[in-house]
PDB file of all heavy atoms in Angstrom:
ATOM      1  N   VAL A   1      69.436  61.856  78.611  1.00  0.00           N
ATOM      2  CA  VAL A   1      67.970  61.731  78.696  1.00  0.00           C
ATOM      3  C   VAL A   1      67.586  60.258  78.681  1.00  0.00           C
ATOM      4  O   VAL A   1      67.911  59.527  77.737  1.00  0.00           O
ATOM      5  CB  VAL A   1      67.290  62.451  77.513  1.00  0.00           C
ATOM      6  CG1 VAL A   1      65.775  62.340  77.636  1.00  0.00           C
ATOM      7  CG2 VAL A   1      67.727  63.911  77.462  1.00  0.00           C
ATOM      8  N   ASP A   2      66.899  59.822  79.726  1.00  0.00           N
ATOM      9  CA  ASP A   2      66.436  58.433  79.819  1.00  0.00           C
ATOM     10  C   ASP A   2      65.155  58.283  79.000  1.00  0.00           C
ATOM     11  O   ASP A   2      64.108  58.832  79.351  1.00  0.00           O
ATOM     12  CB  ASP A   2      66.178  58.080  81.281  1.00  0.00           C
ATOM     13  CG  ASP A   2      65.810  56.606  81.467  1.00  0.00           C
ATOM     14  OD1 ASP A   2      65.710  55.892  80.444  1.00  0.00           O
ATOM     15  OD2 ASP A   2      65.637  56.176  82.617  1.00  0.00           O
ATOM     16  N   LEU A   3      65.224  57.556  77.902  1.00  0.00           N
ATOM     17  CA  LEU A   3      64.084  57.411  76.992  1.00  0.00           C
ATOM     18  C   LEU A   3      63.192  56.229  77.336  1.00  0.00           C
ATOM     19  O   LEU A   3      62.123  56.051  76.723  1.00  0.00           O
ATOM     20  CB  LEU A   3      64.589  57.250  75.547  1.00  0.00           C
ATOM     21  CG  LEU A   3      65.475  58.374  75.003  1.00  0.00           C
ATOM     22  CD1 LEU A   3      65.978  58.008  73.613  1.00  0.00           C
ATOM     23  CD2 LEU A   3      64.717  59.687  74.974  1.00  0.00           C
ATOM     24  N   SER A   4      63.606  55.420  78.318  1.00  0.00           N
ATOM     25  CA  SER A   4      62.899  54.158  78.578  1.00  0.00           C
ATOM     26  C   SER A   4      61.452  54.361  78.996  1.00  0.00           C
ATOM     27  O   SER A   4      60.585  53.565  78.639  1.00  0.00           O
ATOM     28  CB  SER A   4      63.650  53.359  79.653  1.00  0.00           C
ATOM     29  OG  SER A   4      63.718  54.097  80.873  1.00  0.00           O
ATOM     30  N   GLY A   5      61.164  55.411  79.756  1.00  0.00           N
ATOM     31  CA  GLY A   5      59.802  55.597  80.232  1.00  0.00           C
ATOM     32  C   GLY A   5      58.981  56.543  79.388  1.00  0.00           C
ATOM     33  O   GLY A   5      57.869  56.914  79.769  1.00  0.00           O
ATOM     34  N   MET A   6      59.503  56.948  78.237  1.00  0.00           N
ATOM     35  CA  MET A   6      58.803  57.927  77.415  1.00  0.00           C
ATOM     36  C   MET A   6      57.937  57.258  76.361  1.00  0.00           C
ATOM     37  O   MET A   6      58.288  56.227  75.801  1.00  0.00           O
ATOM     38  CB  MET A   6      59.806  58.862  76.731  1.00  0.00           C
ATOM     39  CG  MET A   6      60.522  59.803  77.675  1.00  0.00           C
ATOM     40  SD  MET A   6      61.453  61.060  76.762  1.00  0.00           S
ATOM     41  CE  MET A   6      62.321  61.848  78.138  1.00  0.00           C
ATOM     42  N   SER A   7      56.818  57.921  76.083  1.00  0.00           N
ATOM     43  CA  SER A   7      55.913  57.452  75.035  1.00  0.00           C
ATOM     44  C   SER A   7      55.816  58.524  73.952  1.00  0.00           C
ATOM     45  O   SER A   7      56.368  59.615  74.085  1.00  0.00           O
ATOM     46  CB  SER A   7      54.518  57.194  75.621  1.00  0.00           C
ATOM     47  OG  SER A   7      53.960  58.414  76.108  1.00  0.00           O
ATOM     48  N   ILE A   8      55.097  58.204  72.880  1.00  0.00           N
ATOM     49  CA  ILE A   8      54.888  59.186  71.809  1.00  0.00           C
ATOM     50  C   ILE A   8      54.193  60.428  72.351  1.00  0.00           C
ATOM     51  O   ILE A   8      54.479  61.557  71.938  1.00  0.00           O
ATOM     52  CB  ILE A   8      54.046  58.562  70.666  1.00  0.00           C
ATOM     53  CG1 ILE A   8      54.823  57.412  70.023  1.00  0.00           C
ATOM     54  CG2 ILE A   8      53.701  59.619  69.630  1.00  0.00           C
ATOM     55  CD1 ILE A   8      56.114  57.843  69.364  1.00  0.00           C
ATOM     56  N   VAL A   9      53.299  60.227  73.305  1.00  0.00           N
ATOM     57  CA  VAL A   9      52.581  61.359  73.907  1.00  0.00           C
ATOM     58  C   VAL A   9      53.562  62.320  74.557  1.00  0.00           C
ATOM     59  O   VAL A   9      53.424  63.547  74.449  1.00  0.00           O
ATOM     60  CB  VAL A   9      51.551  60.854  74.936  1.00  0.00           C
ATOM     61  CG1 VAL A   9      50.899  62.025  75.659  1.00  0.00           C
ATOM     62  CG2 VAL A   9      50.494  59.994  74.249  1.00  0.00           C
ATOM     63  N   ASP A  10      54.568  61.762  75.244  1.00  0.00           N
ATOM     64  CA  ASP A  10      55.574  62.618  75.879  1.00  0.00           C
ATOM     65  C   ASP A  10      56.367  63.405  74.830  1.00  0.00           C
ATOM     66  O   ASP A  10      56.678  64.580  75.017  1.00  0.00           O
ATOM     67  CB  ASP A  10      56.555  61.769  76.702  1.00  0.00           C
ATOM     68  CG  ASP A  10      55.884  61.100  77.882  1.00  0.00           C
ATOM     69  OD1 ASP A  10      55.079  61.771  78.552  1.00  0.00           O
ATOM     70  OD2 ASP A  10      56.159  59.910  78.135  1.00  0.00           O
ATOM     71  N   LEU A  11      56.692  62.736  73.722  1.00  0.00           N
ATOM     72  CA  LEU A  11      57.531  63.359  72.698  1.00  0.00           C
ATOM     73  C   LEU A  11      56.821  64.501  71.984  1.00  0.00           C
ATOM     74  O   LEU A  11      57.473  65.427  71.492  1.00  0.00           O
ATOM     75  CB  LEU A  11      57.979  62.307  71.674  1.00  0.00           C
ATOM     76  CG  LEU A  11      58.784  61.121  72.230  1.00  0.00           C
ATOM     77  CD1 LEU A  11      59.189  60.184  71.108  1.00  0.00           C
ATOM     78  CD2 LEU A  11      60.025  61.609  72.975  1.00  0.00           C
ATOM     79  N   VAL A  12      55.494  64.435  71.902  1.00  0.00           N
ATOM     80  CA  VAL A  12      54.742  65.495  71.209  1.00  0.00           C
ATOM     81  C   VAL A  12      53.985  66.383  72.195  1.00  0.00           C
ATOM     82  O   VAL A  12      53.053  67.089  71.814  1.00  0.00           O
ATOM     83  CB  VAL A  12      53.759  64.883  70.183  1.00  0.00           C
ATOM     84  CG1 VAL A  12      54.515  64.143  69.095  1.00  0.00           C
ATOM     85  CG2 VAL A  12      52.740  63.963  70.864  1.00  0.00           C
ATOM     86  N   SER A  13      54.398  66.365  73.458  1.00  0.00           N
ATOM     87  CA  SER A  13      53.771  67.214  74.472  1.00  0.00           C
ATOM     88  C   SER A  13      54.229  68.671  74.287  1.00  0.00           C
ATOM     89  O   SER A  13      55.211  68.935  73.587  1.00  0.00           O
ATOM     90  CB  SER A  13      54.113  66.709  75.876  1.00  0.00           C
ATOM     91  OG  SER A  13      55.508  66.770  76.100  1.00  0.00           O
ATOM     92  N   PRO A  14      53.543  69.621  74.895  1.00  0.00           N
ATOM     93  CA  PRO A  14      53.826  71.046  74.661  1.00  0.00           C
ATOM     94  C   PRO A  14      55.263  71.475  74.946  1.00  0.00           C
ATOM     95  O   PRO A  14      55.803  72.320  74.232  1.00  0.00           O
ATOM     96  CB  PRO A  14      52.844  71.747  75.602  1.00  0.00           C
ATOM     97  CG  PRO A  14      51.698  70.804  75.730  1.00  0.00           C
ATOM     98  CD  PRO A  14      52.315  69.444  75.720  1.00  0.00           C
ATOM     99  N   VAL A  15      55.897  70.906  75.977  1.00  0.00           N
ATOM    100  CA  VAL A  15      57.244  71.360  76.341  1.00  0.00           C
ATOM    101  C   VAL A  15      58.270  71.042  75.249  1.00  0.00           C
ATOM    102  O   VAL A  15      58.935  71.955  74.730  1.00  0.00           O
ATOM    103  CB  VAL A  15      57.677  70.782  77.706  1.00  0.00           C
ATOM    104  CG1 VAL A  15      59.174  71.056  77.944  1.00  0.00           C
ATOM    105  CG2 VAL A  15      56.867  71.404  78.828  1.00  0.00           C
ATOM    106  N   PRO A  16      58.451  69.754  74.856  1.00  0.00           N
ATOM    107  CA  PRO A  16      59.450  69.494  73.817  1.00  0.00           C
ATOM    108  C   PRO A  16      59.106  70.088  72.458  1.00  0.00           C
ATOM    109  O   PRO A  16      59.987  70.547  71.735  1.00  0.00           O
ATOM    110  CB  PRO A  16      59.520  67.963  73.762  1.00  0.00           C
ATOM    111  CG  PRO A  16      58.226  67.500  74.311  1.00  0.00           C
ATOM    112  CD  PRO A  16      57.836  68.505  75.346  1.00  0.00           C
ATOM    113  N   VAL A  17      57.821  70.103  72.112  1.00  0.00           N
ATOM    114  CA  VAL A  17      57.413  70.675  70.827  1.00  0.00           C
ATOM    115  C   VAL A  17      57.658  72.183  70.821  1.00  0.00           C
ATOM    116  O   VAL A  17      58.172  72.745  69.844  1.00  0.00           O
ATOM    117  CB  VAL A  17      55.931  70.365  70.533  1.00  0.00           C
ATOM    118  CG1 VAL A  17      55.452  71.147  69.314  1.00  0.00           C
ATOM    119  CG2 VAL A  17      55.737  68.877  70.300  1.00  0.00           C
ATOM    120  N   GLY A  18      57.299  72.859  71.913  1.00  0.00           N
ATOM    121  CA  GLY A  18      57.517  74.308  72.005  1.00  0.00           C
ATOM    122  C   GLY A  18      58.989  74.662  71.918  1.00  0.00           C
ATOM    123  O   GLY A  18      59.371  75.636  71.259  1.00  0.00           O
ATOM    124  N   ILE A  19      59.837  73.861  72.586  1.00  0.00           N
ATOM    125  CA  ILE A  19      61.282  74.120  72.551  1.00  0.00           C
ATOM    126  C   ILE A  19      61.841  73.857  71.161  1.00  0.00           C
ATOM    127  O   ILE A  19      62.571  74.689  70.594  1.00  0.00           O
ATOM    128  CB  ILE A  19      62.006  73.252  73.589  1.00  0.00           C
ATOM    129  CG1 ILE A  19      61.637  73.697  75.007  1.00  0.00           C
ATOM    130  CG2 ILE A  19      63.525  73.333  73.395  1.00  0.00           C
ATOM    131  CD1 ILE A  19      62.164  72.778  76.097  1.00  0.00           C
ATOM    132  N   ALA A  20      61.506  72.689  70.584  1.00  0.00           N
ATOM    133  CA  ALA A  20      62.047  72.316  69.271  1.00  0.00           C
ATOM    134  C   ALA A  20      61.628  73.308  68.193  1.00  0.00           C
ATOM    135  O   ALA A  20      62.461  73.755  67.389  1.00  0.00           O
ATOM    136  CB  ALA A  20      61.596  70.899  68.908  1.00  0.00           C
ATOM    137  N   LEU A  21      60.353  73.682  68.168  1.00  0.00           N
ATOM    138  CA  LEU A  21      59.885  74.635  67.160  1.00  0.00           C
ATOM    139  C   LEU A  21      60.393  76.048  67.447  1.00  0.00           C
ATOM    140  O   LEU A  21      60.626  76.826  66.517  1.00  0.00           O
ATOM    141  CB  LEU A  21      58.354  74.626  67.090  1.00  0.00           C
ATOM    142  CG  LEU A  21      57.721  73.356  66.531  1.00  0.00           C
ATOM    143  CD1 LEU A  21      56.207  73.492  66.481  1.00  0.00           C
ATOM    144  CD2 LEU A  21      58.268  73.040  65.143  1.00  0.00           C
ATOM    145  N   GLY A  22      60.563  76.361  68.722  1.00  0.00           N
ATOM    146  CA  GLY A  22      61.135  77.663  69.066  1.00  0.00           C
ATOM    147  C   GLY A  22      62.537  77.813  68.501  1.00  0.00           C
ATOM    148  O   GLY A  22      62.900  78.863  67.952  1.00  0.00           O
ATOM    149  N   LEU A  23      63.334  76.747  68.610  1.00  0.00           N
ATOM    150  CA  LEU A  23      64.696  76.765  68.079  1.00  0.00           C
ATOM    151  C   LEU A  23      64.705  76.692  66.556  1.00  0.00           C
ATOM    152  O   LEU A  23      65.400  77.461  65.888  1.00  0.00           O
ATOM    153  CB  LEU A  23      65.500  75.586  68.652  1.00  0.00           C
ATOM    154  CG  LEU A  23      65.845  75.658  70.144  1.00  0.00           C
ATOM    155  CD1 LEU A  23      66.413  74.323  70.622  1.00  0.00           C
ATOM    156  CD2 LEU A  23      66.839  76.779  70.426  1.00  0.00           C
ATOM    157  N   LEU A  24      63.932  75.761  65.997  1.00  0.00           N
ATOM    158  CA  LEU A  24      63.978  75.495  64.565  1.00  0.00           C
ATOM    159  C   LEU A  24      63.286  76.580  63.733  1.00  0.00           C
ATOM    160  O   LEU A  24      63.747  76.919  62.637  1.00  0.00           O
ATOM    161  CB  LEU A  24      63.344  74.133  64.276  1.00  0.00           C
ATOM    162  CG  LEU A  24      63.376  73.640  62.831  1.00  0.00           C
ATOM    163  CD1 LEU A  24      64.806  73.525  62.331  1.00  0.00           C
ATOM    164  CD2 LEU A  24      62.663  72.300  62.715  1.00  0.00           C
ATOM    165  N   LEU A  25      62.166  77.129  64.231  1.00  0.00           N
ATOM    166  CA  LEU A  25      61.417  78.134  63.477  1.00  0.00           C
ATOM    167  C   LEU A  25      61.537  79.536  64.081  1.00  0.00           C
ATOM    168  O   LEU A  25      61.721  80.515  63.356  1.00  0.00           O
ATOM    169  CB  LEU A  25      59.932  77.744  63.415  1.00  0.00           C
ATOM    170  CG  LEU A  25      59.602  76.432  62.699  1.00  0.00           C
ATOM    171  CD1 LEU A  25      58.092  76.191  62.725  1.00  0.00           C
ATOM    172  CD2 LEU A  25      60.102  76.452  61.269  1.00  0.00           C
ATOM    173  N   GLY A  26      61.420  79.604  65.407  1.00  0.00           N
ATOM    174  CA  GLY A  26      61.432  80.910  66.065  1.00  0.00           C
ATOM    175  C   GLY A  26      62.743  81.668  65.887  1.00  0.00           C
ATOM    176  O   GLY A  26      62.749  82.872  65.601  1.00  0.00           O
ATOM    177  N   LYS A  27      63.855  80.960  66.041  1.00  0.00           N
ATOM    178  CA  LYS A  27      65.161  81.599  65.910  1.00  0.00           C
ATOM    179  C   LYS A  27      65.363  82.237  64.537  1.00  0.00           C
ATOM    180  O   LYS A  27      65.638  83.431  64.435  1.00  0.00           O
ATOM    181  CB  LYS A  27      66.274  80.597  66.211  1.00  0.00           C
ATOM    182  CG  LYS A  27      66.693  80.539  67.670  1.00  0.00           C
ATOM    183  CD  LYS A  27      67.434  81.806  68.072  1.00  0.00           C
ATOM    184  CE  LYS A  27      67.917  81.737  69.501  1.00  0.00           C
ATOM    185  NZ  LYS A  27      68.636  82.959  69.898  1.00  0.00           N
ATOM    186  N   PRO A  28      65.262  81.454  63.433  1.00  0.00           N
ATOM    187  CA  PRO A  28      65.477  82.072  62.123  1.00  0.00           C
ATOM    188  C   PRO A  28      64.455  83.150  61.783  1.00  0.00           C
ATOM    189  O   PRO A  28      64.807  84.175  61.184  1.00  0.00           O
ATOM    190  CB  PRO A  28      65.400  80.890  61.145  1.00  0.00           C
ATOM    191  CG  PRO A  28      64.722  79.794  61.890  1.00  0.00           C
ATOM    192  CD  PRO A  28      65.066  79.997  63.331  1.00  0.00           C
ATOM    193  N   LEU A  29      63.193  82.952  62.170  1.00  0.00           N
ATOM    194  CA  LEU A  29      62.177  83.967  61.893  1.00  0.00           C
ATOM    195  C   LEU A  29      62.503  85.285  62.600  1.00  0.00           C
ATOM    196  O   LEU A  29      62.434  86.355  62.002  1.00  0.00           O
ATOM    197  CB  LEU A  29      60.791  83.466  62.330  1.00  0.00           C
ATOM    198  CG  LEU A  29      60.119  82.431  61.421  1.00  0.00           C
ATOM    199  CD1 LEU A  29      58.819  81.938  62.053  1.00  0.00           C
ATOM    200  CD2 LEU A  29      59.855  83.023  60.042  1.00  0.00           C
ATOM    201  N   GLY A  30      62.859  85.179  63.872  1.00  0.00           N
ATOM    202  CA  GLY A  30      63.185  86.378  64.633  1.00  0.00           C
ATOM    203  C   GLY A  30      64.426  87.073  64.120  1.00  0.00           C
ATOM    204  O   GLY A  30      64.453  88.304  63.960  1.00  0.00           O
ATOM    205  N   VAL A  31      65.477  86.298  63.849  1.00  0.00           N
ATOM    206  CA  VAL A  31      66.734  86.864  63.352  1.00  0.00           C
ATOM    207  C   VAL A  31      66.514  87.551  62.013  1.00  0.00           C
ATOM    208  O   VAL A  31      66.946  88.696  61.796  1.00  0.00           O
ATOM    209  CB  VAL A  31      67.814  85.765  63.228  1.00  0.00           C
ATOM    210  CG1 VAL A  31      69.026  86.287  62.446  1.00  0.00           C
ATOM    211  CG2 VAL A  31      68.248  85.293  64.607  1.00  0.00           C
ATOM    212  N   LEU A  32      65.828  86.873  61.093  1.00  0.00           N
ATOM    213  CA  LEU A  32      65.627  87.428  59.749  1.00  0.00           C
ATOM    214  C   LEU A  32      64.698  88.638  59.757  1.00  0.00           C
ATOM    215  O   LEU A  32      64.986  89.653  59.107  1.00  0.00           O
ATOM    216  CB  LEU A  32      65.068  86.353  58.825  1.00  0.00           C
ATOM    217  CG  LEU A  32      66.070  85.312  58.328  1.00  0.00           C
ATOM    218  CD1 LEU A  32      65.360  84.190  57.579  1.00  0.00           C
ATOM    219  CD2 LEU A  32      67.116  85.960  57.427  1.00  0.00           C
ATOM    220  N   LEU A  33      63.585  88.544  60.481  1.00  0.00           N
ATOM    221  CA  LEU A  33      62.614  89.646  60.478  1.00  0.00           C
ATOM    222  C   LEU A  33      63.211  90.911  61.087  1.00  0.00           C
ATOM    223  O   LEU A  33      63.112  92.004  60.512  1.00  0.00           O
ATOM    224  CB  LEU A  33      61.348  89.240  61.227  1.00  0.00           C
ATOM    225  CG  LEU A  33      60.246  90.311  61.282  1.00  0.00           C
ATOM    226  CD1 LEU A  33      59.804  90.680  59.875  1.00  0.00           C
ATOM    227  CD2 LEU A  33      59.055  89.823  62.106  1.00  0.00           C
ATOM    228  N   PHE A  34      63.850  90.787  62.248  1.00  0.00           N
ATOM    229  CA  PHE A  34      64.424  91.965  62.895  1.00  0.00           C
ATOM    230  C   PHE A  34      65.602  92.517  62.091  1.00  0.00           C
ATOM    231  O   PHE A  34      65.806  93.737  62.043  1.00  0.00           O
ATOM    232  CB  PHE A  34      64.850  91.630  64.327  1.00  0.00           C
ATOM    233  CG  PHE A  34      63.755  91.834  65.337  1.00  0.00           C
ATOM    234  CD1 PHE A  34      62.532  91.209  65.183  1.00  0.00           C
ATOM    235  CD2 PHE A  34      63.950  92.634  66.449  1.00  0.00           C
ATOM    236  CE1 PHE A  34      61.513  91.385  66.114  1.00  0.00           C
ATOM    237  CE2 PHE A  34      62.934  92.829  67.377  1.00  0.00           C
ATOM    238  CZ  PHE A  34      61.715  92.201  67.208  1.00  0.00           C
ATOM    239  N   SER A  35      66.381  91.637  61.458  1.00  0.00           N
ATOM    240  CA  SER A  35      67.480  92.097  60.610  1.00  0.00           C
ATOM    241  C   SER A  35      66.932  92.852  59.406  1.00  0.00           C
ATOM    242  O   SER A  35      67.449  93.922  59.039  1.00  0.00           O
ATOM    243  CB  SER A  35      68.318  90.909  60.130  1.00  0.00           C
ATOM    244  OG  SER A  35      68.936  90.253  61.203  1.00  0.00           O
ATOM    245  N   PHE A  36      65.887  92.313  58.784  1.00  0.00           N
ATOM    246  CA  PHE A  36      65.274  92.932  57.605  1.00  0.00           C
ATOM    247  C   PHE A  36      64.720  94.321  57.948  1.00  0.00           C
ATOM    248  O   PHE A  36      64.930  95.288  57.204  1.00  0.00           O
ATOM    249  CB  PHE A  36      64.165  92.033  57.058  1.00  0.00           C
ATOM    250  CG  PHE A  36      63.499  92.553  55.829  1.00  0.00           C
ATOM    251  CD1 PHE A  36      64.115  92.423  54.596  1.00  0.00           C
ATOM    252  CD2 PHE A  36      62.267  93.178  55.899  1.00  0.00           C
ATOM    253  CE1 PHE A  36      63.506  92.916  53.437  1.00  0.00           C
ATOM    254  CE2 PHE A  36      61.644  93.673  54.756  1.00  0.00           C
ATOM    255  CZ  PHE A  36      62.262  93.547  53.519  1.00  0.00           C
ATOM    256  N   ILE A  37      64.013  94.400  59.069  1.00  0.00           N
ATOM    257  CA  ILE A  37      63.446  95.682  59.494  1.00  0.00           C
ATOM    258  C   ILE A  37      64.563  96.699  59.752  1.00  0.00           C
ATOM    259  O   ILE A  37      64.477  97.868  59.340  1.00  0.00           O
ATOM    260  CB  ILE A  37      62.583  95.499  60.758  1.00  0.00           C
ATOM    261  CG1 ILE A  37      61.327  94.686  60.427  1.00  0.00           C
ATOM    262  CG2 ILE A  37      62.196  96.855  61.350  1.00  0.00           C
ATOM    263  CD1 ILE A  37      60.500  94.311  61.639  1.00  0.00           C
ATOM    264  N   ALA A  38      65.635  96.269  60.425  1.00  0.00           N
ATOM    265  CA  ALA A  38      66.742  97.173  60.736  1.00  0.00           C
ATOM    266  C   ALA A  38      67.412  97.693  59.469  1.00  0.00           C
ATOM    267  O   ALA A  38      67.757  98.879  59.371  1.00  0.00           O
ATOM    268  CB  ALA A  38      67.773  96.453  61.611  1.00  0.00           C
ATOM    269  N   VAL A  39      67.592  96.817  58.478  1.00  0.00           N
ATOM    270  CA  VAL A  39      68.214  97.233  57.215  1.00  0.00           C
ATOM    271  C   VAL A  39      67.285  98.178  56.439  1.00  0.00           C
ATOM    272  O   VAL A  39      67.722  99.201  55.904  1.00  0.00           O
ATOM    273  CB  VAL A  39      68.586  96.004  56.363  1.00  0.00           C
ATOM    274  CG1 VAL A  39      69.014  96.426  54.960  1.00  0.00           C
ATOM    275  CG2 VAL A  39      69.702  95.218  57.037  1.00  0.00           C
TER     276      VAL A  39
END
């Protein structure tokens, strides 16, 4: 990833934020909730 042309605005734009939070929060929430319901 070429960081030279990126600004703070790019880093907090919807695409990277949606992906990062999807992985960091969405994954564990989904895994735990569906596992809990199944049990």
